[in-house]
Amino acid sequence: MLVLEEENGDLYVRMQEQKLLRQCDYMTNCIEIGIQQGRAFDKYMLWVLNHIAVANISAFGGRYREEPIYVGDHKPPHFKDVADWMDRFISNVHENWYIWTPTELAAYGLWRLNWIHPFIEGNGRTARAASYYLLCVRAGALLPGRKILPERIREDRRGYEDALAAADQAWENGHLDFTEMEDYLAALVQAQLDDEGLPYQR
């Protein structure tokens, strides 16, 4: 059962917002479990994060794409290579868990998931949720603040897109460098923590 934006724009927008709230609830549960049990970052969690974000909007939520996809000037990896790239991504997160800072892990996760673009729809929403998971679990706490990081990223698209482009360019030149993304996220995290220290409010 799908809702098409062209047929019912108001319902489509409303459903997108509802999906984000449900994704936030699931992400929060995962963070709490991750803090208790260790990092527990895997593809199954990402599949569910994506499925929740696009249910009734995309027919293939929670499954890796099996077709080409294009994102502006960025051409993600061939769909036949997506599963391998995702395994490498998750392995890199685990290998650097105690080497990278919380914001470094979050920045890497946010950029790399967008670079791979493993899903047909909802890649940005999934990447933002996964990034926040990495940040909080690595920091060992569900961070306080009225407005959490994924929402702040949505509101600051220019900084987000510039940081993605910078990391993409570095990778194209043969370097793993997501420092601009880390700086961007660090400023947003500080703004979240400075936001009266109150819990997230919907």
Protein backbone atom coordinates (compact mmCIF):
# COMPACT_ATOMS: atom_id res chain seq x y z
CA MET A 1 0.00 0.00 0.00
CA LEU A 2 1.66 3.19 -1.20
CA VAL A 3 0.83 6.87 -0.99
CA LEU A 4 2.07 8.86 -3.98
CA GLU A 5 3.03 12.50 -3.51
CA GLU A 6 1.50 13.38 -6.89
CA GLU A 7 -1.89 11.93 -5.92
CA ASN A 8 -2.19 13.13 -2.33
CA GLY A 9 0.52 15.60 -1.38
CA ASP A 10 -0.91 16.49 2.03
CA LEU A 11 -1.22 12.87 3.14
CA TYR A 12 2.25 12.12 1.78
CA VAL A 13 3.82 14.95 3.80
CA ARG A 14 1.90 13.98 6.92
CA MET A 15 2.98 10.36 6.60
CA GLN A 16 6.61 11.38 6.17
CA GLU A 17 6.46 13.30 9.44
CA GLN A 18 4.79 10.36 11.20
CA LYS A 19 7.47 8.00 9.90
CA LEU A 20 10.20 10.26 11.24
CA LEU A 21 8.61 10.20 14.69
CA ARG A 22 8.36 6.41 14.61
CA GLN A 23 11.93 6.15 13.40
CA CYS A 24 13.01 8.42 16.27
CA ASP A 25 11.29 6.13 18.79
CA TYR A 26 12.99 3.05 17.35
CA MET A 27 16.36 4.84 17.18
CA THR A 28 16.03 5.84 20.84
CA ASN A 29 15.28 2.24 21.82
CA CYS A 30 18.32 1.07 19.88
CA ILE A 31 20.52 3.67 21.56
CA GLU A 32 19.37 2.54 25.00
CA ILE A 33 20.08 -1.10 24.10
CA GLY A 34 23.41 -0.17 22.54
CA ILE A 35 24.52 1.66 25.66
CA GLN A 36 23.59 -1.34 27.82
CA GLN A 37 24.96 -4.08 25.59
CA GLY A 38 27.79 -2.43 23.69
CA ARG A 39 27.92 -1.01 20.20
CA ALA A 40 25.65 -3.65 18.54
CA PHE A 41 25.75 -1.74 15.23
CA ASP A 42 24.68 -3.97 12.35
CA LYS A 43 22.86 -4.06 9.01
CA TYR A 44 19.67 -5.38 10.59
CA MET A 45 19.23 -2.25 12.65
CA LEU A 46 19.84 -0.14 9.54
CA TRP A 47 17.30 -2.15 7.56
CA VAL A 48 14.64 -1.51 10.20
CA LEU A 49 15.53 2.19 10.47
CA ASN A 50 15.05 2.49 6.72
CA HIS A 51 11.87 0.41 6.63
CA ILE A 52 10.21 2.54 9.30
CA ALA A 53 11.24 5.75 7.53
CA VAL A 54 9.67 4.82 4.18
CA ALA A 55 6.81 2.42 4.95
CA ASN A 56 3.78 3.22 2.72
CA ILE A 57 5.97 5.64 0.76
CA SER A 58 8.39 3.21 -0.92
CA ALA A 59 7.75 -0.44 -1.79
CA PHE A 60 11.31 -1.54 -1.04
CA GLY A 61 12.02 -0.13 2.41
CA GLY A 62 14.50 -2.04 4.51
CA ARG A 63 16.14 -3.75 1.53
CA TYR A 64 19.34 -2.87 -0.26
CA ARG A 65 18.70 -1.39 -3.68
CA GLU A 66 19.06 -3.58 -6.75
CA GLU A 67 19.07 -0.85 -9.34
CA PRO A 68 21.15 2.22 -10.25
CA ILE A 69 20.53 5.45 -8.38
CA TYR A 70 21.83 8.99 -8.88
CA VAL A 71 22.07 11.78 -6.33
CA GLY A 72 22.84 15.17 -7.85
CA ASP A 73 26.49 15.07 -8.94
CA HIS A 74 27.20 11.98 -6.83
CA LYS A 75 27.08 8.56 -8.47
CA PRO A 76 26.83 5.91 -5.70
CA PRO A 77 28.44 2.47 -6.12
CA HIS A 78 26.88 -0.05 -8.48
CA PHE A 79 23.99 -1.88 -6.82
CA LYS A 80 25.82 -5.22 -7.12
CA ASP A 81 28.51 -3.81 -4.83
CA VAL A 82 26.20 -2.35 -2.17
CA ALA A 83 26.22 -5.34 0.20
CA ASP A 84 30.03 -5.49 0.15
CA TRP A 85 30.37 -1.75 0.72
CA MET A 86 27.94 -1.98 3.64
CA ASP A 87 29.89 -4.86 5.20
CA ARG A 88 33.07 -2.79 4.87
CA PHE A 89 31.35 0.25 6.36
CA ILE A 90 30.05 -1.65 9.40
CA SER A 91 33.41 -3.36 9.88
CA ASN A 92 35.18 0.00 9.80
CA VAL A 93 32.83 1.35 12.47
CA HIS A 94 33.66 -1.58 14.77
CA GLU A 95 37.39 -1.47 14.06
CA ASN A 96 37.59 2.23 14.92
CA TRP A 97 35.12 2.21 17.81
CA TYR A 98 37.74 3.05 20.44
CA ILE A 99 40.02 4.97 18.10
CA TRP A 100 37.62 7.62 16.80
CA THR A 101 35.79 10.08 19.02
CA PRO A 102 31.98 10.05 19.20
CA THR A 103 31.73 12.90 16.68
CA GLU A 104 34.24 11.24 14.36
CA LEU A 105 32.21 8.02 14.36
CA ALA A 106 28.99 9.96 13.79
CA ALA A 107 30.56 11.99 10.97
CA TYR A 108 31.95 8.89 9.28
CA GLY A 109 28.59 7.11 9.55
CA LEU A 110 26.65 10.07 8.19
CA TRP A 111 28.97 10.54 5.21
CA ARG A 112 29.59 6.90 4.36
CA LEU A 113 25.94 5.86 4.37
CA ASN A 114 25.09 8.78 2.11
CA TRP A 115 28.03 7.89 -0.16
CA ILE A 116 26.94 4.25 -0.50
CA HIS A 117 23.25 5.19 -0.73
CA PRO A 118 22.25 1.58 -0.05
CA PHE A 119 18.48 2.03 -0.19
CA ILE A 120 16.01 3.13 -2.85
CA GLU A 121 14.43 5.78 -0.60
CA GLY A 122 15.12 7.30 2.81
CA ASN A 123 18.91 7.15 2.71
CA GLY A 124 19.35 10.58 4.32
CA ARG A 125 16.84 9.83 7.08
CA THR A 126 18.50 6.49 7.77
CA ALA A 127 22.00 7.99 7.75
CA ARG A 128 21.01 10.77 10.17
CA ALA A 129 19.44 8.27 12.59
CA ALA A 130 22.44 5.93 12.36
CA SER A 131 24.81 8.85 12.92
CA TYR A 132 22.97 9.82 16.09
CA TYR A 133 23.05 6.22 17.27
CA LEU A 134 26.83 6.12 16.84
CA LEU A 135 27.26 9.45 18.61
CA CYS A 136 25.18 8.54 21.66
CA VAL A 137 26.30 4.94 22.10
CA ARG A 138 29.96 5.85 21.70
CA ALA A 139 29.45 8.70 24.22
CA GLY A 140 27.65 6.29 26.54
CA ALA A 141 24.55 8.44 26.98
CA LEU A 142 21.33 9.50 25.30
CA LEU A 143 22.26 13.14 24.86
CA PRO A 144 19.91 15.79 26.26
CA GLY A 145 18.42 18.68 24.35
CA ARG A 146 15.05 19.88 23.07
CA LYS A 147 15.95 19.25 19.44
CA ILE A 148 18.18 16.31 18.62
CA LEU A 149 20.91 16.08 16.00
CA PRO A 150 18.94 14.46 13.12
CA GLU A 151 16.39 17.27 13.23
CA ARG A 152 19.10 19.92 13.40
CA ILE A 153 20.78 18.43 10.33
CA ARG A 154 17.48 18.59 8.42
CA GLU A 155 17.27 22.29 9.22
CA ASP A 156 20.86 23.06 8.15
CA ARG A 157 20.93 21.48 4.70
CA ARG A 158 23.63 23.73 3.28
CA GLY A 159 26.23 22.79 5.87
CA TYR A 160 25.24 19.13 5.56
CA GLU A 161 25.55 19.08 1.77
CA ASP A 162 28.84 21.00 1.80
CA ALA A 163 30.34 18.56 4.31
CA LEU A 164 29.17 15.57 2.26
CA ALA A 165 30.69 17.08 -0.89
CA ALA A 166 34.01 17.72 0.89
CA ALA A 167 34.25 14.12 2.11
CA ASP A 168 33.24 12.83 -1.34
CA GLN A 169 35.96 14.90 -2.98
CA ALA A 170 38.58 13.67 -0.52
CA TRP A 171 37.58 10.07 -1.21
CA GLU A 172 37.71 10.70 -4.96
CA ASN A 173 41.27 11.95 -4.44
CA GLY A 174 42.22 8.80 -2.54
CA HIS A 175 41.85 10.06 1.04
CA LEU A 176 39.52 9.26 3.91
CA ASP A 177 38.84 12.75 5.28
CA PHE A 178 35.54 13.67 6.89
CA THR A 179 36.87 16.44 9.14
CA GLU A 180 34.51 19.04 7.67
CA MET A 181 31.57 16.76 8.51
CA GLU A 182 32.92 16.28 12.03
CA ASP A 183 33.24 20.04 12.55
CA TYR A 184 29.72 20.53 11.21
CA LEU A 185 28.27 17.88 13.55
CA ALA A 186 30.25 19.09 16.56
CA ALA A 187 28.67 22.54 16.27
CA LEU A 188 25.16 21.04 16.03
CA VAL A 189 25.76 18.72 18.97
CA GLN A 190 26.95 21.65 21.07
CA ALA A 191 23.81 23.58 20.10
CA GLN A 192 21.70 20.58 21.17
CA LEU A 193 23.46 20.37 24.53
CA ASP A 194 23.14 24.13 25.06
CA ASP A 195 19.40 24.03 24.33
CA GLU A 196 18.44 24.36 28.01
CA GLY A 197 19.49 20.77 28.65
CA LEU A 198 15.89 19.61 28.32
CA PRO A 199 14.72 16.30 26.86
CA TYR A 200 13.66 16.11 23.24
CA GLN A 201 10.18 17.49 22.74
CA ARG A 202 7.93 16.65 19.78
